[in-house]
């Protein structure tokens, strides 16, 4: 993995979102162990998928604004893209 030498403005937000998602997934696992209704579990899985998608969008925006812009400024855009 390459080392980054520029600021990722949304890193803390991404990490916080992932921590919430991690807790949500643990609670879904508990629901399954408790033999809760399948529809309830599926609904919670859908919520986690949406949360992951939202987090991915934040991360992608951060990547475009930091990694890609930095690469362009340093002539490395082909490598990053």
C-alpha atoms as a PDB file:
ATOM      1  CA  UNK A   1       0.000   0.000   0.000  1.00  0.00           C
ATOM      2  CA  UNK A   2       1.372   3.395  -0.926  1.00  0.00           C
ATOM      3  CA  UNK A   3       1.849   6.105   1.642  1.00  0.00           C
ATOM      4  CA  UNK A   4      -0.101   9.348   1.246  1.00  0.00           C
ATOM      5  CA  UNK A   5       1.516  12.685   1.946  1.00  0.00           C
ATOM      6  CA  UNK A   6      -1.538  14.904   1.673  1.00  0.00           C
ATOM      7  CA  UNK A   7      -4.539  15.674   3.843  1.00  0.00           C
ATOM      8  CA  UNK A   8      -7.733  13.658   3.653  1.00  0.00           C
ATOM      9  CA  UNK A   9     -10.303  16.107   4.993  1.00  0.00           C
ATOM     10  CA  UNK A  10     -13.027  13.520   5.564  1.00  0.00           C
ATOM     11  CA  UNK A  11     -10.917  10.723   7.109  1.00  0.00           C
ATOM     12  CA  UNK A  12     -12.359  11.195  10.613  1.00  0.00           C
ATOM     13  CA  UNK A  13     -15.920  11.285   9.247  1.00  0.00           C
ATOM     14  CA  UNK A  14     -15.292   8.080   7.270  1.00  0.00           C
ATOM     15  CA  UNK A  15     -13.795   6.315  10.298  1.00  0.00           C
ATOM     16  CA  UNK A  16     -16.724   7.412  12.491  1.00  0.00           C
ATOM     17  CA  UNK A  17     -19.261   6.206   9.933  1.00  0.00           C
ATOM     18  CA  UNK A  18     -17.500   2.857   9.640  1.00  0.00           C
ATOM     19  CA  UNK A  19     -17.500   2.464  13.423  1.00  0.00           C
ATOM     20  CA  UNK A  20     -21.281   3.034  13.497  1.00  0.00           C
ATOM     21  CA  UNK A  21     -21.739   0.542  10.660  1.00  0.00           C
ATOM     22  CA  UNK A  22     -19.586  -1.984  12.512  1.00  0.00           C
ATOM     23  CA  UNK A  23     -21.842  -1.687  15.560  1.00  0.00           C
ATOM     24  CA  UNK A  24     -24.931  -1.997  13.393  1.00  0.00           C
ATOM     25  CA  UNK A  25     -23.584  -5.192  11.793  1.00  0.00           C
ATOM     26  CA  UNK A  26     -22.896  -6.658  15.237  1.00  0.00           C
ATOM     27  CA  UNK A  27     -26.491  -5.958  16.247  1.00  0.00           C
ATOM     28  CA  UNK A  28     -27.748  -7.650  13.071  1.00  0.00           C
ATOM     29  CA  UNK A  29     -25.640 -10.695  13.933  1.00  0.00           C
ATOM     30  CA  UNK A  30     -27.269 -10.742  17.374  1.00  0.00           C
ATOM     31  CA  UNK A  31     -30.696 -10.508  15.725  1.00  0.00           C
ATOM     32  CA  UNK A  32     -29.856 -13.567  13.631  1.00  0.00           C
ATOM     33  CA  UNK A  33     -28.599 -15.462  16.697  1.00  0.00           C
ATOM     34  CA  UNK A  34     -31.841 -14.593  18.488  1.00  0.00           C
ATOM     35  CA  UNK A  35     -33.774 -15.953  15.490  1.00  0.00           C
ATOM     36  CA  UNK A  36     -35.536 -12.652  14.888  1.00  0.00           C
ATOM     37  CA  UNK A  37     -37.892 -12.329  11.959  1.00  0.00           C
ATOM     38  CA  UNK A  38     -36.140 -12.550   8.568  1.00  0.00           C
ATOM     39  CA  UNK A  39     -37.838  -9.409   7.293  1.00  0.00           C
ATOM     40  CA  UNK A  40     -36.480  -7.408  10.245  1.00  0.00           C
ATOM     41  CA  UNK A  41     -32.964  -8.679   9.583  1.00  0.00           C
ATOM     42  CA  UNK A  42     -33.229  -7.968   5.862  1.00  0.00           C
ATOM     43  CA  UNK A  43     -34.401  -4.443   6.607  1.00  0.00           C
ATOM     44  CA  UNK A  44     -31.382  -3.866   8.848  1.00  0.00           C
ATOM     45  CA  UNK A  45     -29.031  -5.312   6.218  1.00  0.00           C
ATOM     46  CA  UNK A  46     -30.501  -2.877   3.682  1.00  0.00           C
ATOM     47  CA  UNK A  47     -29.841  -0.023   6.122  1.00  0.00           C
ATOM     48  CA  UNK A  48     -26.200  -1.101   6.485  1.00  0.00           C
ATOM     49  CA  UNK A  49     -25.799  -1.320   2.704  1.00  0.00           C
ATOM     50  CA  UNK A  50     -27.151   2.220   2.351  1.00  0.00           C
ATOM     51  CA  UNK A  51     -24.804   3.435   5.090  1.00  0.00           C
ATOM     52  CA  UNK A  52     -21.849   1.768   3.341  1.00  0.00           C
ATOM     53  CA  UNK A  53     -22.840   3.356   0.033  1.00  0.00           C
ATOM     54  CA  UNK A  54     -23.034   6.774   1.680  1.00  0.00           C
ATOM     55  CA  UNK A  55     -19.651   6.257   3.302  1.00  0.00           C
ATOM     56  CA  UNK A  56     -18.159   5.186  -0.018  1.00  0.00           C
ATOM     57  CA  UNK A  57     -19.447   8.406  -1.606  1.00  0.00           C
ATOM     58  CA  UNK A  58     -17.779  10.494   1.114  1.00  0.00           C
ATOM     59  CA  UNK A  59     -14.541   8.544   0.651  1.00  0.00           C
ATOM     60  CA  UNK A  60     -14.671   8.888  -3.142  1.00  0.00           C
ATOM     61  CA  UNK A  61     -15.241  12.644  -2.871  1.00  0.00           C
ATOM     62  CA  UNK A  62     -12.298  12.893  -0.473  1.00  0.00           C
ATOM     63  CA  UNK A  63     -10.169  10.805  -2.842  1.00  0.00           C
ATOM     64  CA  UNK A  64     -11.025  13.023  -5.793  1.00  0.00           C
ATOM     65  CA  UNK A  65     -10.393  16.220  -3.834  1.00  0.00           C
ATOM     66  CA  UNK A  66      -7.119  15.096  -2.285  1.00  0.00           C
ATOM     67  CA  UNK A  67      -5.439  12.116  -3.984  1.00  0.00           C
ATOM     68  CA  UNK A  68      -6.394  12.898  -7.565  1.00  0.00           C
ATOM     69  CA  UNK A  69      -5.795  16.643  -7.275  1.00  0.00           C
ATOM     70  CA  UNK A  70      -2.426  16.000  -5.613  1.00  0.00           C
ATOM     71  CA  UNK A  71      -1.487  13.532  -8.369  1.00  0.00           C
ATOM     72  CA  UNK A  72      -2.374  16.035 -11.075  1.00  0.00           C
ATOM     73  CA  UNK A  73      -0.265  18.705  -9.389  1.00  0.00           C
ATOM     74  CA  UNK A  74       2.687  16.306  -9.241  1.00  0.00           C
ATOM     75  CA  UNK A  75       2.275  14.875 -12.750  1.00  0.00           C
ATOM     76  CA  UNK A  76       1.177  11.425 -11.522  1.00  0.00           C
ATOM     77  CA  UNK A  77      -2.416  11.511 -12.772  1.00  0.00           C
ATOM     78  CA  UNK A  78      -1.968   8.413 -14.999  1.00  0.00           C
ATOM     79  CA  UNK A  79      -0.834   6.345 -11.994  1.00  0.00           C
ATOM     80  CA  UNK A  80      -3.729   7.485  -9.776  1.00  0.00           C
ATOM     81  CA  UNK A  81      -6.409   7.279 -12.456  1.00  0.00           C
END
